[in-house]
C-alpha atoms as a PDB file:
ATOM      1  CA  UNK A   1       0.000   0.000   0.000  1.00  0.00           C
ATOM      2  CA  UNK A   2       1.479   3.346  -1.049  1.00  0.00           C
ATOM      3  CA  UNK A   3       1.507   6.155   1.495  1.00  0.00           C
ATOM      4  CA  UNK A   4       0.199   9.563   0.535  1.00  0.00           C
ATOM      5  CA  UNK A   5       2.377  12.553   1.374  1.00  0.00           C
ATOM      6  CA  UNK A   6      -0.147  13.716   3.970  1.00  0.00           C
ATOM      7  CA  UNK A   7       0.240  10.408   5.802  1.00  0.00           C
ATOM      8  CA  UNK A   8       4.010  10.787   6.081  1.00  0.00           C
ATOM      9  CA  UNK A   9       4.138  14.488   6.963  1.00  0.00           C
ATOM     10  CA  UNK A  10       4.040  15.351  10.643  1.00  0.00           C
ATOM     11  CA  UNK A  11       0.858  16.912  11.921  1.00  0.00           C
ATOM     12  CA  UNK A  12       1.045  20.628  12.624  1.00  0.00           C
ATOM     13  CA  UNK A  13       0.263  21.974  16.060  1.00  0.00           C
ATOM     14  CA  UNK A  14      -2.582  24.446  16.442  1.00  0.00           C
ATOM     15  CA  UNK A  15      -0.037  27.268  16.784  1.00  0.00           C
ATOM     16  CA  UNK A  16       1.799  26.151  13.642  1.00  0.00           C
ATOM     17  CA  UNK A  17      -1.487  26.038  11.730  1.00  0.00           C
ATOM     18  CA  UNK A  18      -2.332  29.512  13.007  1.00  0.00           C
ATOM     19  CA  UNK A  19       1.035  30.893  11.869  1.00  0.00           C
ATOM     20  CA  UNK A  20       0.703  29.180   8.499  1.00  0.00           C
ATOM     21  CA  UNK A  21      -2.795  30.583   7.909  1.00  0.00           C
ATOM     22  CA  UNK A  22      -1.723  34.051   9.073  1.00  0.00           C
ATOM     23  CA  UNK A  23       1.203  34.006   6.652  1.00  0.00           C
ATOM     24  CA  UNK A  24      -1.089  33.031   3.774  1.00  0.00           C
ATOM     25  CA  UNK A  25      -3.474  35.885   4.562  1.00  0.00           C
ATOM     26  CA  UNK A  26      -0.538  38.291   4.805  1.00  0.00           C
ATOM     27  CA  UNK A  27       0.846  37.122   1.461  1.00  0.00           C
ATOM     28  CA  UNK A  28      -2.598  37.749  -0.061  1.00  0.00           C
ATOM     29  CA  UNK A  29      -2.638  41.298   1.442  1.00  0.00           C
ATOM     30  CA  UNK A  30      -5.849  40.467   3.318  1.00  0.00           C
ATOM     31  CA  UNK A  31      -5.189  42.957   6.123  1.00  0.00           C
ATOM     32  CA  UNK A  32      -8.677  42.979   7.619  1.00  0.00           C
ATOM     33  CA  UNK A  33      -9.150  39.213   7.400  1.00  0.00           C
ATOM     34  CA  UNK A  34      -5.718  38.665   8.928  1.00  0.00           C
ATOM     35  CA  UNK A  35      -6.433  40.996  11.833  1.00  0.00           C
ATOM     36  CA  UNK A  36      -9.875  39.460  12.394  1.00  0.00           C
ATOM     37  CA  UNK A  37      -8.349  35.971  12.371  1.00  0.00           C
ATOM     38  CA  UNK A  38      -5.489  36.778  14.743  1.00  0.00           C
ATOM     39  CA  UNK A  39      -7.479  38.895  17.189  1.00  0.00           C
ATOM     40  CA  UNK A  40      -8.892  35.636  18.552  1.00  0.00           C
ATOM     41  CA  UNK A  41      -5.339  34.849  19.731  1.00  0.00           C
ATOM     42  CA  UNK A  42      -4.734  37.851  21.988  1.00  0.00           C
ATOM     43  CA  UNK A  43      -4.065  35.575  24.959  1.00  0.00           C
ATOM     44  CA  UNK A  44      -1.570  33.431  23.077  1.00  0.00           C
ATOM     45  CA  UNK A  45       1.740  32.589  24.684  1.00  0.00           C
ATOM     46  CA  UNK A  46       3.351  32.017  21.298  1.00  0.00           C
ATOM     47  CA  UNK A  47       5.688  34.832  20.254  1.00  0.00           C
ATOM     48  CA  UNK A  48       5.293  33.930  16.573  1.00  0.00           C
ATOM     49  CA  UNK A  49       1.543  34.487  16.741  1.00  0.00           C
ATOM     50  CA  UNK A  50       1.845  37.662  18.812  1.00  0.00           C
ATOM     51  CA  UNK A  51       4.298  39.444  16.525  1.00  0.00           C
ATOM     52  CA  UNK A  52       2.081  38.615  13.561  1.00  0.00           C
ATOM     53  CA  UNK A  53      -0.882  40.053  15.461  1.00  0.00           C
ATOM     54  CA  UNK A  54       1.209  43.159  16.174  1.00  0.00           C
ATOM     55  CA  UNK A  55       2.009  43.516  12.471  1.00  0.00           C
ATOM     56  CA  UNK A  56      -1.647  43.005  11.542  1.00  0.00           C
ATOM     57  CA  UNK A  57      -2.717  45.753  13.952  1.00  0.00           C
ATOM     58  CA  UNK A  58      -0.048  48.054  12.538  1.00  0.00           C
ATOM     59  CA  UNK A  59      -1.074  47.307   8.955  1.00  0.00           C
ATOM     60  CA  UNK A  60      -4.736  47.810   9.791  1.00  0.00           C
ATOM     61  CA  UNK A  61      -3.925  51.161  11.401  1.00  0.00           C
ATOM     62  CA  UNK A  62      -2.609  52.372   8.028  1.00  0.00           C
ATOM     63  CA  UNK A  63      -6.059  51.816   6.503  1.00  0.00           C
ATOM     64  CA  UNK A  64      -7.915  53.881   9.086  1.00  0.00           C
ATOM     65  CA  UNK A  65      -9.169  57.340   8.208  1.00  0.00           C
ATOM     66  CA  UNK A  66      -9.577  58.754  11.688  1.00  0.00           C
ATOM     67  CA  UNK A  67      -6.612  59.471  13.930  1.00  0.00           C
ATOM     68  CA  UNK A  68      -8.110  57.853  17.051  1.00  0.00           C
ATOM     69  CA  UNK A  69      -8.503  54.483  15.335  1.00  0.00           C
ATOM     70  CA  UNK A  70      -4.988  54.727  13.903  1.00  0.00           C
ATOM     71  CA  UNK A  71      -3.571  55.541  17.315  1.00  0.00           C
ATOM     72  CA  UNK A  72      -5.500  52.767  19.081  1.00  0.00           C
ATOM     73  CA  UNK A  73      -4.370  50.114  16.599  1.00  0.00           C
ATOM     74  CA  UNK A  74      -0.785  51.358  16.729  1.00  0.00           C
ATOM     75  CA  UNK A  75      -0.706  51.067  20.519  1.00  0.00           C
ATOM     76  CA  UNK A  76      -2.406  47.684  20.299  1.00  0.00           C
ATOM     77  CA  UNK A  77       0.299  46.483  17.912  1.00  0.00           C
ATOM     78  CA  UNK A  78       2.978  47.848  20.234  1.00  0.00           C
ATOM     79  CA  UNK A  79       1.473  45.889  23.131  1.00  0.00           C
ATOM     80  CA  UNK A  80       1.448  42.587  21.201  1.00  0.00           C
ATOM     81  CA  UNK A  81       5.012  43.066  19.952  1.00  0.00           C
ATOM     82  CA  UNK A  82       6.148  43.843  23.481  1.00  0.00           C
ATOM     83  CA  UNK A  83       4.531  40.643  24.757  1.00  0.00           C
ATOM     84  CA  UNK A  84       6.150  38.630  21.960  1.00  0.00           C
ATOM     85  CA  UNK A  85       9.561  39.978  22.998  1.00  0.00           C
ATOM     86  CA  UNK A  86       8.877  39.147  26.633  1.00  0.00           C
ATOM     87  CA  UNK A  87       8.224  35.564  25.545  1.00  0.00           C
ATOM     88  CA  UNK A  88      11.246  35.381  23.245  1.00  0.00           C
ATOM     89  CA  UNK A  89      13.793  38.174  23.342  1.00  0.00           C
ATOM     90  CA  UNK A  90      15.589  36.637  20.341  1.00  0.00           C
ATOM     91  CA  UNK A  91      12.618  37.076  17.995  1.00  0.00           C
ATOM     92  CA  UNK A  92      13.922  39.650  15.512  1.00  0.00           C
ATOM     93  CA  UNK A  93      10.564  40.019  13.768  1.00  0.00           C
ATOM     94  CA  UNK A  94       8.949  41.049  17.061  1.00  0.00           C
ATOM     95  CA  UNK A  95      11.701  43.628  17.616  1.00  0.00           C
ATOM     96  CA  UNK A  96      11.168  44.981  14.106  1.00  0.00           C
ATOM     97  CA  UNK A  97       7.409  45.360  14.567  1.00  0.00           C
ATOM     98  CA  UNK A  98       7.971  46.992  17.962  1.00  0.00           C
ATOM     99  CA  UNK A  99      10.370  49.542  16.460  1.00  0.00           C
ATOM    100  CA  UNK A 100       7.929  50.324  13.667  1.00  0.00           C
ATOM    101  CA  UNK A 101       5.277  51.025  16.303  1.00  0.00           C
ATOM    102  CA  UNK A 102       7.655  53.255  18.250  1.00  0.00           C
ATOM    103  CA  UNK A 103       8.577  55.196  15.120  1.00  0.00           C
ATOM    104  CA  UNK A 104       4.904  55.686  14.248  1.00  0.00           C
ATOM    105  CA  UNK A 105       4.326  57.216  17.665  1.00  0.00           C
ATOM    106  CA  UNK A 106       7.373  59.477  17.470  1.00  0.00           C
ATOM    107  CA  UNK A 107       6.155  60.872  14.142  1.00  0.00           C
ATOM    108  CA  UNK A 108       2.914  62.066  15.732  1.00  0.00           C
END
């Protein structure tokens, strides 16, 4: 009996599936769908999910027309990036997203 590739590949964890789906939505430039998907993971303890949520909040802030919404999403993104760094200080993507959030706030 021949094995199908799916039978030989290791199963992904829920966090790995979440990251994979988030990356697909990001690649498709689906900013709102990505944010809506990841916002369900605000209590995650996975730095990879949190920095992606931070980036999604930052990207969504760019689409807002009113300054209060932009500011709120920017601070939200900052918070998630900060948490990702607390979980894994070596996560360069989290540091990058955090610095982008800081720079956005300095420009205001």
